[in-house]
Each structure stands twice: as structure tokens, then as C-alpha cells.
Amino acid sequence: MAKYRVNIPAGPIWNQEDAKLKCPIVCASYGGEWTGRWHTPQETWGKMSVCECRFRF
């Protein structure tokens, strides 16, 4: 079984607690599961964060 990790756009995420609410939903909506990691690229601060999602095939 292959595993892939992909960063999925999730809208703004303000902190870890906010990520715990948003990222599982974002990843599940694409058929994946959240790895517990997220980040906000510097150029999109306040606008767009990404959640790291794991997919298994």
C-alpha cells in the first residue's frame, strides 16, 4: 500500500487549536486523513494555510 502526503489549501488557520478543528474536515473531504501538520506560507499569511493530508492507495 502506497502512502502519499499532500498539502491541501484550508483557508486561514490561526493556531494549532484552529487547525485541530479545520484540518481533519479538509483532509476527509478529499478522502485522506490529517497528519497533524499544517503551515501558512509567508506570502499568504492571513489568507491561506495548508493542511498536510495522508492518502493511502
PDB file of N, CA and C in Angstrom:
ATOM      1  N   MET A   1       0.847  -1.178   0.000  1.00  0.00           N
ATOM      2  CA  MET A   1       0.000   0.000   0.000  1.00  0.00           C
ATOM      3  C   MET A   1       0.891   1.240   0.000  1.00  0.00           C
ATOM      4  N   ALA A   2       0.690   2.106  -0.964  1.00  0.00           N
ATOM      5  CA  ALA A   2       1.474   3.339  -1.063  1.00  0.00           C
ATOM      6  C   ALA A   2       0.829   4.432  -0.225  1.00  0.00           C
ATOM      7  N   LYS A   3       1.678   5.287   0.347  1.00  0.00           N
ATOM      8  CA  LYS A   3       1.206   6.422   1.132  1.00  0.00           C
ATOM      9  C   LYS A   3       1.752   7.698   0.518  1.00  0.00           C
ATOM     10  N   TYR A   4       0.899   8.691   0.402  1.00  0.00           N
ATOM     11  CA  TYR A   4       1.298   9.982  -0.132  1.00  0.00           C
ATOM     12  C   TYR A   4       0.878  11.067   0.834  1.00  0.00           C
ATOM     13  N   ARG A   5       1.688  12.092   0.957  1.00  0.00           N
ATOM     14  CA  ARG A   5       1.346  13.257   1.778  1.00  0.00           C
ATOM     15  C   ARG A   5       1.252  14.464   0.864  1.00  0.00           C
ATOM     16  N   VAL A   6       0.157  15.181   0.995  1.00  0.00           N
ATOM     17  CA  VAL A   6      -0.111  16.321   0.127  1.00  0.00           C
ATOM     18  C   VAL A   6      -0.602  17.478   0.983  1.00  0.00           C
ATOM     19  N   ASN A   7      -0.150  18.690   0.684  1.00  0.00           N
ATOM     20  CA  ASN A   7      -0.656  19.886   1.353  1.00  0.00           C
ATOM     21  C   ASN A   7      -1.909  20.370   0.626  1.00  0.00           C
ATOM     22  N   ILE A   8      -3.013  20.476   1.376  1.00  0.00           N
ATOM     23  CA  ILE A   8      -4.301  20.878   0.825  1.00  0.00           C
ATOM     24  C   ILE A   8      -4.666  22.255   1.370  1.00  0.00           C
ATOM     25  N   PRO A   9      -5.028  23.213   0.508  1.00  0.00           N
ATOM     26  CA  PRO A   9      -5.447  24.535   0.985  1.00  0.00           C
ATOM     27  C   PRO A   9      -6.658  24.435   1.914  1.00  0.00           C
ATOM     28  N   ALA A  10      -6.621  25.229   2.989  1.00  0.00           N
ATOM     29  CA  ALA A  10      -7.668  25.122   4.010  1.00  0.00           C
ATOM     30  C   ALA A  10      -8.221  26.466   4.462  1.00  0.00           C
ATOM     31  N   GLY A  11      -7.894  27.545   3.765  1.00  0.00           N
ATOM     32  CA  GLY A  11      -8.309  28.859   4.262  1.00  0.00           C
ATOM     33  C   GLY A  11      -7.381  29.266   5.392  1.00  0.00           C
ATOM     34  N   PRO A  12      -7.634  30.394   6.021  1.00  0.00           N
ATOM     35  CA  PRO A  12      -6.737  30.807   7.106  1.00  0.00           C
ATOM     36  C   PRO A  12      -6.870  29.904   8.336  1.00  0.00           C
ATOM     37  N   ILE A  13      -5.736  29.526   8.887  1.00  0.00           N
ATOM     38  CA  ILE A  13      -5.678  28.796  10.161  1.00  0.00           C
ATOM     39  C   ILE A  13      -4.858  29.656  11.098  1.00  0.00           C
ATOM     40  N   TRP A  14      -5.381  29.921  12.268  1.00  0.00           N
ATOM     41  CA  TRP A  14      -4.759  30.899  13.163  1.00  0.00           C
ATOM     42  C   TRP A  14      -3.825  30.292  14.193  1.00  0.00           C
ATOM     43  N   ASN A  15      -4.050  29.027  14.579  1.00  0.00           N
ATOM     44  CA  ASN A  15      -3.199  28.383  15.590  1.00  0.00           C
ATOM     45  C   ASN A  15      -3.485  26.886  15.581  1.00  0.00           C
ATOM     46  N   GLN A  16      -2.799  26.142  16.439  1.00  0.00           N
ATOM     47  CA  GLN A  16      -2.939  24.684  16.479  1.00  0.00           C
ATOM     48  C   GLN A  16      -4.356  24.260  16.828  1.00  0.00           C
ATOM     49  N   GLU A  17      -4.997  24.961  17.737  1.00  0.00           N
ATOM     50  CA  GLU A  17      -6.367  24.610  18.114  1.00  0.00           C
ATOM     51  C   GLU A  17      -7.317  24.783  16.924  1.00  0.00           C
ATOM     52  N   ASP A  18      -7.124  25.841  16.167  1.00  0.00           N
ATOM     53  CA  ASP A  18      -7.928  26.074  14.972  1.00  0.00           C
ATOM     54  C   ASP A  18      -7.665  24.977  13.945  1.00  0.00           C
ATOM     55  N   ALA A  19      -6.413  24.579  13.800  1.00  0.00           N
ATOM     56  CA  ALA A  19      -6.059  23.510  12.862  1.00  0.00           C
ATOM     57  C   ALA A  19      -6.725  22.195  13.256  1.00  0.00           C
ATOM     58  N   LYS A  20      -6.804  21.905  14.543  1.00  0.00           N
ATOM     59  CA  LYS A  20      -7.439  20.668  15.012  1.00  0.00           C
ATOM     60  C   LYS A  20      -8.907  20.603  14.629  1.00  0.00           C
ATOM     61  N   LEU A  21      -9.531  21.749  14.464  1.00  0.00           N
ATOM     62  CA  LEU A  21     -10.930  21.792  14.047  1.00  0.00           C
ATOM     63  C   LEU A  21     -11.075  21.707  12.530  1.00  0.00           C
ATOM     64  N   LYS A  22     -10.216  22.393  11.803  1.00  0.00           N
ATOM     65  CA  LYS A  22     -10.373  22.519  10.350  1.00  0.00           C
ATOM     66  C   LYS A  22      -9.725  21.404   9.543  1.00  0.00           C
ATOM     67  N   CYS A  23      -8.502  21.037   9.898  1.00  0.00           N
ATOM     68  CA  CYS A  23      -7.741  20.112   9.047  1.00  0.00           C
ATOM     69  C   CYS A  23      -8.345  18.716   8.914  1.00  0.00           C
ATOM     70  N   PRO A  24      -8.867  18.108   9.968  1.00  0.00           N
ATOM     71  CA  PRO A  24      -9.477  16.786   9.754  1.00  0.00           C
ATOM     72  C   PRO A  24     -10.625  16.826   8.745  1.00  0.00           C
ATOM     73  N   ILE A  25     -11.382  17.910   8.755  1.00  0.00           N
ATOM     74  CA  ILE A  25     -12.505  18.048   7.821  1.00  0.00           C
ATOM     75  C   ILE A  25     -11.992  18.244   6.402  1.00  0.00           C
ATOM     76  N   VAL A  26     -10.989  19.107   6.250  1.00  0.00           N
ATOM     77  CA  VAL A  26     -10.423  19.363   4.925  1.00  0.00           C
ATOM     78  C   VAL A  26      -9.865  18.082   4.336  1.00  0.00           C
ATOM     79  N   CYS A  27      -9.068  17.365   5.096  1.00  0.00           N
ATOM     80  CA  CYS A  27      -8.454  16.137   4.579  1.00  0.00           C
ATOM     81  C   CYS A  27      -9.504  15.074   4.264  1.00  0.00           C
ATOM     82  N   ALA A  28     -10.465  14.902   5.147  1.00  0.00           N
ATOM     83  CA  ALA A  28     -11.512  13.903   4.921  1.00  0.00           C
ATOM     84  C   ALA A  28     -12.331  14.218   3.673  1.00  0.00           C
ATOM     85  N   SER A  29     -12.502  15.495   3.377  1.00  0.00           N
ATOM     86  CA  SER A  29     -13.296  15.857   2.200  1.00  0.00           C
ATOM     87  C   SER A  29     -12.616  15.432   0.898  1.00  0.00           C
ATOM     88  N   TYR A  30     -11.316  15.152   0.960  1.00  0.00           N
ATOM     89  CA  TYR A  30     -10.572  14.663  -0.206  1.00  0.00           C
ATOM     90  C   TYR A  30     -10.254  13.173  -0.090  1.00  0.00           C
ATOM     91  N   GLY A  31     -10.793  12.511   0.943  1.00  0.00           N
ATOM     92  CA  GLY A  31     -10.562  11.084   1.118  1.00  0.00           C
ATOM     93  C   GLY A  31      -9.273  10.746   1.836  1.00  0.00           C
ATOM     94  N   GLY A  32      -8.697  11.728   2.546  1.00  0.00           N
ATOM     95  CA  GLY A  32      -7.448  11.497   3.271  1.00  0.00           C
ATOM     96  C   GLY A  32      -7.626  11.671   4.761  1.00  0.00           C
ATOM     97  N   GLU A  33      -6.516  11.620   5.470  1.00  0.00           N
ATOM     98  CA  GLU A  33      -6.543  11.875   6.912  1.00  0.00           C
ATOM     99  C   GLU A  33      -5.437  12.853   7.263  1.00  0.00           C
ATOM    100  N   TRP A  34      -5.707  13.683   8.245  1.00  0.00           N
ATOM    101  CA  TRP A  34      -4.767  14.718   8.654  1.00  0.00           C
ATOM    102  C   TRP A  34      -3.587  14.094   9.371  1.00  0.00           C
ATOM    103  N   THR A  35      -2.370  14.565   9.063  1.00  0.00           N
ATOM    104  CA  THR A  35      -1.154  14.055   9.697  1.00  0.00           C
ATOM    105  C   THR A  35      -0.833  14.777  11.005  1.00  0.00           C
ATOM    106  N   GLY A  36      -1.544  15.872  11.283  1.00  0.00           N
ATOM    107  CA  GLY A  36      -1.251  16.676  12.465  1.00  0.00           C
ATOM    108  C   GLY A  36      -0.381  17.883  12.142  1.00  0.00           C
ATOM    109  N   ARG A  37       0.034  17.989  10.880  1.00  0.00           N
ATOM    110  CA  ARG A  37       0.901  19.097  10.469  1.00  0.00           C
ATOM    111  C   ARG A  37       0.127  20.076   9.600  1.00  0.00           C
ATOM    112  N   TRP A  38       0.498  21.345   9.702  1.00  0.00           N
ATOM    113  CA  TRP A  38      -0.081  22.399   8.877  1.00  0.00           C
ATOM    114  C   TRP A  38       0.898  23.550   8.859  1.00  0.00           C
ATOM    115  N   HIS A  39       0.739  24.462   7.922  1.00  0.00           N
ATOM    116  CA  HIS A  39       1.547  25.680   7.925  1.00  0.00           C
ATOM    117  C   HIS A  39       0.883  26.745   7.053  1.00  0.00           C
ATOM    118  N   THR A  40       1.345  27.945   7.240  1.00  0.00           N
ATOM    119  CA  THR A  40       0.883  29.074   6.441  1.00  0.00           C
ATOM    120  C   THR A  40       2.084  29.619   5.679  1.00  0.00           C
ATOM    121  N   PRO A  41       2.057  29.496   4.354  1.00  0.00           N
ATOM    122  CA  PRO A  41       3.155  30.082   3.575  1.00  0.00           C
ATOM    123  C   PRO A  41       3.231  31.590   3.831  1.00  0.00           C
ATOM    124  N   GLN A  42       4.422  32.112   3.946  1.00  0.00           N
ATOM    125  CA  GLN A  42       4.607  33.528   4.288  1.00  0.00           C
ATOM    126  C   GLN A  42       3.858  34.451   3.337  1.00  0.00           C
ATOM    127  N   GLU A  43       3.850  34.125   2.060  1.00  0.00           N
ATOM    128  CA  GLU A  43       3.208  35.015   1.093  1.00  0.00           C
ATOM    129  C   GLU A  43       1.683  35.018   1.190  1.00  0.00           C
ATOM    130  N   THR A  44       1.111  34.047   1.910  1.00  0.00           N
ATOM    131  CA  THR A  44      -0.352  34.005   2.035  1.00  0.00           C
ATOM    132  C   THR A  44      -0.817  34.183   3.473  1.00  0.00           C
ATOM    133  N   TRP A  45       0.035  34.740   4.346  1.00  0.00           N
ATOM    134  CA  TRP A  45      -0.320  34.880   5.754  1.00  0.00           C
ATOM    135  C   TRP A  45      -1.637  35.641   5.896  1.00  0.00           C
ATOM    136  N   GLY A  46      -2.518  35.103   6.716  1.00  0.00           N
ATOM    137  CA  GLY A  46      -3.819  35.722   6.958  1.00  0.00           C
ATOM    138  C   GLY A  46      -4.849  35.415   5.894  1.00  0.00           C
ATOM    139  N   LYS A  47      -4.432  34.695   4.853  1.00  0.00           N
ATOM    140  CA  LYS A  47      -5.346  34.399   3.749  1.00  0.00           C
ATOM    141  C   LYS A  47      -5.521  32.905   3.514  1.00  0.00           C
ATOM    142  N   MET A  48      -4.401  32.157   3.527  1.00  0.00           N
ATOM    143  CA  MET A  48      -4.486  30.754   3.168  1.00  0.00           C
ATOM    144  C   MET A  48      -3.415  29.944   3.894  1.00  0.00           C
ATOM    145  N   SER A  49      -3.868  28.898   4.566  1.00  0.00           N
ATOM    146  CA  SER A  49      -2.981  27.923   5.187  1.00  0.00           C
ATOM    147  C   SER A  49      -3.207  26.586   4.496  1.00  0.00           C
ATOM    148  N   VAL A  50      -2.318  25.642   4.744  1.00  0.00           N
ATOM    149  CA  VAL A  50      -2.480  24.318   4.174  1.00  0.00           C
ATOM    150  C   VAL A  50      -2.375  23.261   5.271  1.00  0.00           C
ATOM    151  N   CYS A  51      -3.127  22.199   5.089  1.00  0.00           N
ATOM    152  CA  CYS A  51      -3.087  21.051   5.997  1.00  0.00           C
ATOM    153  C   CYS A  51      -2.354  19.924   5.278  1.00  0.00           C
ATOM    154  N   GLU A  52      -1.494  19.209   5.992  1.00  0.00           N
ATOM    155  CA  GLU A  52      -0.831  18.055   5.402  1.00  0.00           C
ATOM    156  C   GLU A  52      -1.745  16.848   5.567  1.00  0.00           C
ATOM    157  N   CYS A  53      -2.132  16.267   4.436  1.00  0.00           N
ATOM    158  CA  CYS A  53      -3.059  15.133   4.437  1.00  0.00           C
ATOM    159  C   CYS A  53      -2.346  13.891   3.926  1.00  0.00           C
ATOM    160  N   ARG A  54      -2.709  12.745   4.482  1.00  0.00           N
ATOM    161  CA  ARG A  54      -2.121  11.469   4.077  1.00  0.00           C
ATOM    162  C   ARG A  54      -3.174  10.702   3.268  1.00  0.00           C
ATOM    163  N   PHE A  55      -2.729  10.160   2.149  1.00  0.00           N
ATOM    164  CA  PHE A  55      -3.581   9.340   1.307  1.00  0.00           C
ATOM    165  C   PHE A  55      -2.934   7.976   1.144  1.00  0.00           C
ATOM    166  N   ARG A  56      -3.725   6.943   1.192  1.00  0.00           N
ATOM    167  CA  ARG A  56      -3.225   5.563   1.034  1.00  0.00           C
ATOM    168  C   ARG A  56      -3.894   4.925  -0.165  1.00  0.00           C
ATOM    169  N   PHE A  57      -3.059   4.319  -0.997  1.00  0.00           N
ATOM    170  CA  PHE A  57      -3.577   3.668  -2.206  1.00  0.00           C
ATOM    171  C   PHE A  57      -3.097   2.236  -2.264  1.00  0.00           C
TER     172      PHE A  57
END
